[in-house]
Amino acid sequence: MAVNIIKIKSFDFALRIVELYKFLCADKKEFVLSKQILRSGTAVGALIREAEQAESKLDFIHKLSIAQKEANETDYWLELLYQSEYLNETQFQSLKKDILEINKIVASIIITTKQRIGKK
């Protein structure tokens, strides 16, 4: 069975987001932005998992497109947490690198799938 890199990376990222949420609540006493990033940051992997069971190629693309939107939203919350000094630069850069990589992989999968549909 082939290794599903995006499935692994998105799950690992979701675990990091859960840890970030706990840190923001416990150490920074931040309860609003932390819930936003928890929701969007964990939704990425959930949508990727959901896409595995898509009913068609178009449904697959649709689910991954929503995952891409959630990744973009997560990037926004990371930026806001950093600019508002809830995250230090090291924390921010590490998480930002991961979400950008996930977003690039998802975009590539969407493009490849669209091309394959067009060839039929």
N, C-alpha and C. Protein backbone atom coordinates (compact mmCIF):
# COMPACT_ATOMS: atom_id res chain seq x y z
N MET A 1 0.84 -1.18 0.00
CA MET A 1 0.00 0.00 0.00
C MET A 1 0.89 1.25 0.00
N ALA A 2 0.57 2.20 -0.85
CA ALA A 2 1.36 3.42 -0.98
C ALA A 2 1.18 4.32 0.24
N VAL A 3 2.22 5.04 0.56
CA VAL A 3 2.17 6.00 1.67
C VAL A 3 1.43 7.25 1.19
N ASN A 4 0.47 7.69 1.97
CA ASN A 4 -0.31 8.87 1.64
C ASN A 4 0.27 10.06 2.40
N ILE A 5 1.19 10.75 1.75
CA ILE A 5 1.93 11.85 2.39
C ILE A 5 1.00 12.95 2.92
N ILE A 6 0.02 13.35 2.12
CA ILE A 6 -0.85 14.45 2.56
C ILE A 6 -1.70 14.04 3.75
N LYS A 7 -2.09 12.79 3.80
CA LYS A 7 -2.87 12.28 4.94
C LYS A 7 -2.02 12.34 6.21
N ILE A 8 -0.78 11.92 6.11
CA ILE A 8 0.13 11.93 7.26
C ILE A 8 0.45 13.36 7.69
N LYS A 9 0.83 14.20 6.73
CA LYS A 9 1.22 15.58 7.05
C LYS A 9 0.05 16.37 7.65
N SER A 10 -1.15 16.18 7.11
CA SER A 10 -2.30 16.93 7.63
C SER A 10 -2.70 16.45 9.02
N PHE A 11 -2.55 15.15 9.29
CA PHE A 11 -2.85 14.64 10.62
C PHE A 11 -1.82 15.15 11.63
N ASP A 12 -0.54 15.08 11.26
CA ASP A 12 0.51 15.59 12.15
C ASP A 12 0.32 17.08 12.42
N PHE A 13 -0.08 17.82 11.39
CA PHE A 13 -0.33 19.25 11.57
C PHE A 13 -1.50 19.47 12.53
N ALA A 14 -2.56 18.67 12.40
CA ALA A 14 -3.71 18.79 13.30
C ALA A 14 -3.28 18.55 14.75
N LEU A 15 -2.41 17.58 14.97
CA LEU A 15 -1.90 17.34 16.32
C LEU A 15 -1.14 18.57 16.84
N ARG A 16 -0.35 19.18 15.97
CA ARG A 16 0.38 20.40 16.37
C ARG A 16 -0.58 21.53 16.71
N ILE A 17 -1.67 21.62 15.96
CA ILE A 17 -2.66 22.67 16.21
C ILE A 17 -3.37 22.42 17.55
N VAL A 18 -3.65 21.18 17.87
CA VAL A 18 -4.25 20.86 19.18
C VAL A 18 -3.30 21.28 20.30
N GLU A 19 -2.01 21.00 20.13
CA GLU A 19 -1.02 21.42 21.13
C GLU A 19 -0.95 22.95 21.22
N LEU A 20 -1.03 23.62 20.08
CA LEU A 20 -1.03 25.08 20.07
C LEU A 20 -2.25 25.61 20.82
N TYR A 21 -3.39 25.01 20.57
CA TYR A 21 -4.62 25.42 21.26
C TYR A 21 -4.45 25.31 22.78
N LYS A 22 -3.91 24.18 23.23
CA LYS A 22 -3.70 23.98 24.66
C LYS A 22 -2.74 25.02 25.22
N PHE A 23 -1.67 25.30 24.48
CA PHE A 23 -0.69 26.31 24.89
C PHE A 23 -1.33 27.69 24.97
N LEU A 24 -2.08 28.07 23.95
CA LEU A 24 -2.71 29.39 23.94
C LEU A 24 -3.69 29.56 25.10
N CYS A 25 -4.45 28.53 25.39
CA CYS A 25 -5.42 28.60 26.49
C CYS A 25 -4.73 28.61 27.85
N ALA A 26 -3.80 27.69 28.05
CA ALA A 26 -3.17 27.55 29.37
C ALA A 26 -2.14 28.64 29.66
N ASP A 27 -1.24 28.90 28.71
CA ASP A 27 -0.13 29.81 28.97
C ASP A 27 -0.44 31.26 28.62
N LYS A 28 -1.17 31.47 27.55
CA LYS A 28 -1.44 32.83 27.08
C LYS A 28 -2.82 33.35 27.47
N LYS A 29 -3.66 32.46 27.99
CA LYS A 29 -5.03 32.82 28.38
C LYS A 29 -5.79 33.45 27.22
N GLU A 30 -5.59 32.88 26.05
CA GLU A 30 -6.26 33.35 24.84
C GLU A 30 -7.29 32.29 24.45
N PHE A 31 -8.57 32.71 24.36
CA PHE A 31 -9.65 31.74 24.17
C PHE A 31 -10.48 31.94 22.91
N VAL A 32 -10.29 33.02 22.20
CA VAL A 32 -11.11 33.29 21.01
C VAL A 32 -10.37 32.88 19.74
N LEU A 33 -9.21 33.48 19.50
CA LEU A 33 -8.42 33.14 18.32
C LEU A 33 -8.00 31.67 18.34
N SER A 34 -7.74 31.16 19.54
CA SER A 34 -7.31 29.77 19.66
C SER A 34 -8.38 28.81 19.17
N LYS A 35 -9.65 29.13 19.42
CA LYS A 35 -10.73 28.26 18.93
C LYS A 35 -10.84 28.34 17.41
N GLN A 36 -10.60 29.51 16.86
CA GLN A 36 -10.66 29.67 15.40
C GLN A 36 -9.60 28.82 14.72
N ILE A 37 -8.37 28.90 15.23
CA ILE A 37 -7.29 28.13 14.59
C ILE A 37 -7.45 26.63 14.87
N LEU A 38 -8.01 26.28 16.01
CA LEU A 38 -8.28 24.86 16.29
C LEU A 38 -9.28 24.31 15.27
N ARG A 39 -10.33 25.07 14.99
CA ARG A 39 -11.35 24.63 14.06
C ARG A 39 -10.79 24.49 12.64
N SER A 40 -10.15 25.56 12.15
CA SER A 40 -9.67 25.51 10.76
C SER A 40 -8.47 24.59 10.60
N GLY A 41 -7.58 24.58 11.58
CA GLY A 41 -6.36 23.79 11.48
C GLY A 41 -6.58 22.29 11.53
N THR A 42 -7.62 21.87 12.25
CA THR A 42 -7.94 20.44 12.30
C THR A 42 -8.88 20.04 11.16
N ALA A 43 -9.61 21.00 10.61
CA ALA A 43 -10.53 20.71 9.50
C ALA A 43 -9.78 20.29 8.25
N VAL A 44 -8.58 20.78 8.06
CA VAL A 44 -7.80 20.46 6.86
C VAL A 44 -7.65 18.94 6.73
N GLY A 45 -7.15 18.30 7.77
CA GLY A 45 -6.95 16.86 7.73
C GLY A 45 -8.26 16.09 7.65
N ALA A 46 -9.28 16.59 8.33
CA ALA A 46 -10.59 15.92 8.29
C ALA A 46 -11.16 15.94 6.88
N LEU A 47 -11.01 17.04 6.18
CA LEU A 47 -11.51 17.14 4.81
C LEU A 47 -10.70 16.27 3.85
N ILE A 48 -9.41 16.18 4.10
CA ILE A 48 -8.58 15.30 3.27
C ILE A 48 -9.01 13.85 3.48
N ARG A 49 -9.28 13.47 4.71
CA ARG A 49 -9.78 12.12 4.98
C ARG A 49 -11.14 11.91 4.31
N GLU A 50 -11.98 12.91 4.38
CA GLU A 50 -13.30 12.82 3.76
C GLU A 50 -13.18 12.65 2.24
N ALA A 51 -12.20 13.31 1.65
CA ALA A 51 -12.00 13.21 0.20
C ALA A 51 -11.65 11.80 -0.23
N GLU A 52 -11.07 11.02 0.67
CA GLU A 52 -10.74 9.63 0.35
C GLU A 52 -11.99 8.83 -0.02
N GLN A 53 -13.11 9.22 0.53
CA GLN A 53 -14.36 8.52 0.29
C GLN A 53 -15.29 9.29 -0.66
N ALA A 54 -14.70 10.13 -1.47
CA ALA A 54 -15.50 10.94 -2.40
C ALA A 54 -16.31 10.04 -3.33
N GLU A 55 -17.46 10.54 -3.72
CA GLU A 55 -18.37 9.78 -4.58
C GLU A 55 -17.98 9.85 -6.05
N SER A 56 -17.17 10.84 -6.41
CA SER A 56 -16.72 11.02 -7.79
C SER A 56 -15.45 11.86 -7.79
N LYS A 57 -14.83 11.99 -8.94
CA LYS A 57 -13.64 12.84 -9.06
C LYS A 57 -14.00 14.30 -8.76
N LEU A 58 -15.17 14.73 -9.20
CA LEU A 58 -15.60 16.11 -8.94
C LEU A 58 -15.83 16.32 -7.44
N ASP A 59 -16.40 15.34 -6.77
CA ASP A 59 -16.60 15.42 -5.33
C ASP A 59 -15.24 15.45 -4.61
N PHE A 60 -14.31 14.66 -5.10
CA PHE A 60 -12.94 14.63 -4.56
C PHE A 60 -12.31 16.02 -4.65
N ILE A 61 -12.40 16.63 -5.83
CA ILE A 61 -11.85 17.98 -6.05
C ILE A 61 -12.54 18.98 -5.12
N HIS A 62 -13.85 18.86 -5.01
CA HIS A 62 -14.61 19.79 -4.16
C HIS A 62 -14.16 19.71 -2.70
N LYS A 63 -14.02 18.50 -2.19
CA LYS A 63 -13.61 18.33 -0.80
C LYS A 63 -12.19 18.84 -0.56
N LEU A 64 -11.30 18.58 -1.52
CA LEU A 64 -9.93 19.10 -1.38
C LEU A 64 -9.88 20.61 -1.52
N SER A 65 -10.78 21.17 -2.32
CA SER A 65 -10.85 22.64 -2.45
C SER A 65 -11.27 23.27 -1.13
N ILE A 66 -12.17 22.63 -0.43
CA ILE A 66 -12.57 23.13 0.89
C ILE A 66 -11.40 22.99 1.87
N ALA A 67 -10.67 21.88 1.79
CA ALA A 67 -9.48 21.71 2.64
C ALA A 67 -8.48 22.82 2.37
N GLN A 68 -8.33 23.19 1.11
CA GLN A 68 -7.41 24.27 0.73
C GLN A 68 -7.87 25.61 1.34
N LYS A 69 -9.16 25.85 1.33
CA LYS A 69 -9.69 27.08 1.94
C LYS A 69 -9.43 27.09 3.44
N GLU A 70 -9.61 25.94 4.08
CA GLU A 70 -9.35 25.85 5.53
C GLU A 70 -7.86 26.07 5.82
N ALA A 71 -7.00 25.57 4.94
CA ALA A 71 -5.56 25.79 5.11
C ALA A 71 -5.23 27.28 4.98
N ASN A 72 -5.86 27.94 4.02
CA ASN A 72 -5.66 29.39 3.86
C ASN A 72 -6.14 30.15 5.09
N GLU A 73 -7.28 29.73 5.62
CA GLU A 73 -7.80 30.37 6.83
C GLU A 73 -6.86 30.14 8.01
N THR A 74 -6.32 28.94 8.12
CA THR A 74 -5.38 28.63 9.19
C THR A 74 -4.14 29.51 9.08
N ASP A 75 -3.67 29.71 7.88
CA ASP A 75 -2.53 30.60 7.64
C ASP A 75 -2.84 32.01 8.14
N TYR A 76 -4.05 32.47 7.90
CA TYR A 76 -4.48 33.78 8.37
C TYR A 76 -4.42 33.86 9.90
N TRP A 77 -4.98 32.85 10.58
CA TRP A 77 -4.99 32.86 12.05
C TRP A 77 -3.57 32.79 12.61
N LEU A 78 -2.70 32.02 11.96
CA LEU A 78 -1.30 31.98 12.39
C LEU A 78 -0.66 33.36 12.30
N GLU A 79 -0.89 34.01 11.18
CA GLU A 79 -0.35 35.36 10.97
C GLU A 79 -0.88 36.33 12.04
N LEU A 80 -2.16 36.24 12.32
CA LEU A 80 -2.77 37.13 13.32
C LEU A 80 -2.21 36.84 14.72
N LEU A 81 -2.07 35.56 15.06
CA LEU A 81 -1.51 35.21 16.37
C LEU A 81 -0.07 35.68 16.51
N TYR A 82 0.67 35.61 15.42
CA TYR A 82 2.06 36.09 15.44
C TYR A 82 2.12 37.61 15.56
N GLN A 83 1.36 38.29 14.72
CA GLN A 83 1.38 39.76 14.73
C GLN A 83 0.84 40.35 16.04
N SER A 84 -0.03 39.60 16.70
CA SER A 84 -0.56 40.07 17.99
C SER A 84 0.25 39.54 19.17
N GLU A 85 1.40 38.94 18.86
CA GLU A 85 2.39 38.50 19.83
C GLU A 85 1.97 37.36 20.74
N TYR A 86 1.04 36.53 20.26
CA TYR A 86 0.72 35.30 20.99
C TYR A 86 1.69 34.18 20.62
N LEU A 87 2.28 34.27 19.42
CA LEU A 87 3.30 33.31 18.97
C LEU A 87 4.62 34.03 18.77
N ASN A 88 5.71 33.37 19.13
CA ASN A 88 7.01 33.94 18.82
C ASN A 88 7.37 33.57 17.38
N GLU A 89 8.44 34.12 16.88
CA GLU A 89 8.80 33.90 15.48
C GLU A 89 9.11 32.44 15.18
N THR A 90 9.76 31.76 16.08
CA THR A 90 10.09 30.34 15.87
C THR A 90 8.82 29.50 15.75
N GLN A 91 7.88 29.70 16.66
CA GLN A 91 6.61 28.97 16.61
C GLN A 91 5.89 29.26 15.30
N PHE A 92 5.80 30.54 14.99
CA PHE A 92 5.09 30.97 13.79
C PHE A 92 5.71 30.38 12.52
N GLN A 93 7.01 30.52 12.37
CA GLN A 93 7.68 30.05 11.15
C GLN A 93 7.54 28.54 10.97
N SER A 94 7.62 27.80 12.04
CA SER A 94 7.50 26.35 11.97
C SER A 94 6.10 25.93 11.51
N LEU A 95 5.07 26.50 12.11
CA LEU A 95 3.70 26.18 11.73
C LEU A 95 3.37 26.69 10.33
N LYS A 96 3.86 27.88 10.02
CA LYS A 96 3.60 28.47 8.69
C LYS A 96 4.22 27.59 7.60
N LYS A 97 5.42 27.13 7.82
CA LYS A 97 6.09 26.25 6.85
C LYS A 97 5.25 25.01 6.59
N ASP A 98 4.73 24.42 7.65
CA ASP A 98 3.93 23.20 7.52
C ASP A 98 2.62 23.45 6.76
N ILE A 99 1.91 24.53 7.10
CA ILE A 99 0.62 24.76 6.44
C ILE A 99 0.82 25.15 4.98
N LEU A 100 1.89 25.87 4.67
CA LEU A 100 2.16 26.21 3.27
C LEU A 100 2.51 24.95 2.47
N GLU A 101 3.25 24.04 3.07
CA GLU A 101 3.58 22.78 2.39
C GLU A 101 2.32 21.96 2.14
N ILE A 102 1.46 21.87 3.13
CA ILE A 102 0.20 21.14 2.98
C ILE A 102 -0.63 21.78 1.87
N ASN A 103 -0.70 23.10 1.87
CA ASN A 103 -1.49 23.80 0.87
C ASN A 103 -0.95 23.56 -0.54
N LYS A 104 0.35 23.53 -0.69
CA LYS A 104 0.96 23.27 -2.01
C LYS A 104 0.66 21.86 -2.48
N ILE A 105 0.72 20.90 -1.57
CA ILE A 105 0.44 19.51 -1.95
C ILE A 105 -1.03 19.37 -2.36
N VAL A 106 -1.92 19.96 -1.58
CA VAL A 106 -3.35 19.89 -1.91
C VAL A 106 -3.61 20.55 -3.26
N ALA A 107 -3.01 21.70 -3.51
CA ALA A 107 -3.18 22.39 -4.79
C ALA A 107 -2.70 21.51 -5.94
N SER A 108 -1.58 20.86 -5.74
CA SER A 108 -1.02 19.98 -6.78
C SER A 108 -1.96 18.80 -7.06
N ILE A 109 -2.52 18.23 -6.02
CA ILE A 109 -3.46 17.10 -6.18
C ILE A 109 -4.69 17.57 -6.96
N ILE A 110 -5.20 18.74 -6.62
CA ILE A 110 -6.37 19.28 -7.32
C ILE A 110 -6.06 19.48 -8.79
N ILE A 111 -4.93 20.11 -9.09
CA ILE A 111 -4.55 20.38 -10.48
C ILE A 111 -4.39 19.07 -11.26
N THR A 112 -3.69 18.11 -10.67
CA THR A 112 -3.47 16.82 -11.34
C THR A 112 -4.80 16.11 -11.61
N THR A 113 -5.68 16.13 -10.63
CA THR A 113 -6.98 15.47 -10.79
C THR A 113 -7.79 16.15 -11.88
N LYS A 114 -7.78 17.48 -11.91
CA LYS A 114 -8.50 18.21 -12.97
C LYS A 114 -7.94 17.87 -14.34
N GLN A 115 -6.63 17.77 -14.44
CA GLN A 115 -6.00 17.42 -15.72
C GLN A 115 -6.41 16.02 -16.16
N ARG A 116 -6.46 15.11 -15.23
CA ARG A 116 -6.84 13.72 -15.57
C ARG A 116 -8.30 13.64 -16.02
N ILE A 117 -9.16 14.44 -15.41
CA ILE A 117 -10.56 14.48 -15.81
C ILE A 117 -10.66 15.02 -17.25
N GLY A 118 -9.87 16.05 -17.52
CA GLY A 118 -9.88 16.68 -18.85
C GLY A 118 -9.40 15.76 -19.96
N LYS A 119 -8.59 14.77 -19.63
CA LYS A 119 -8.04 13.86 -20.63
C LYS A 119 -9.04 12.78 -21.03
N LYS A 120 -10.09 12.62 -20.27
CA LYS A 120 -11.05 11.54 -20.56
C LYS A 120 -12.08 11.97 -21.56
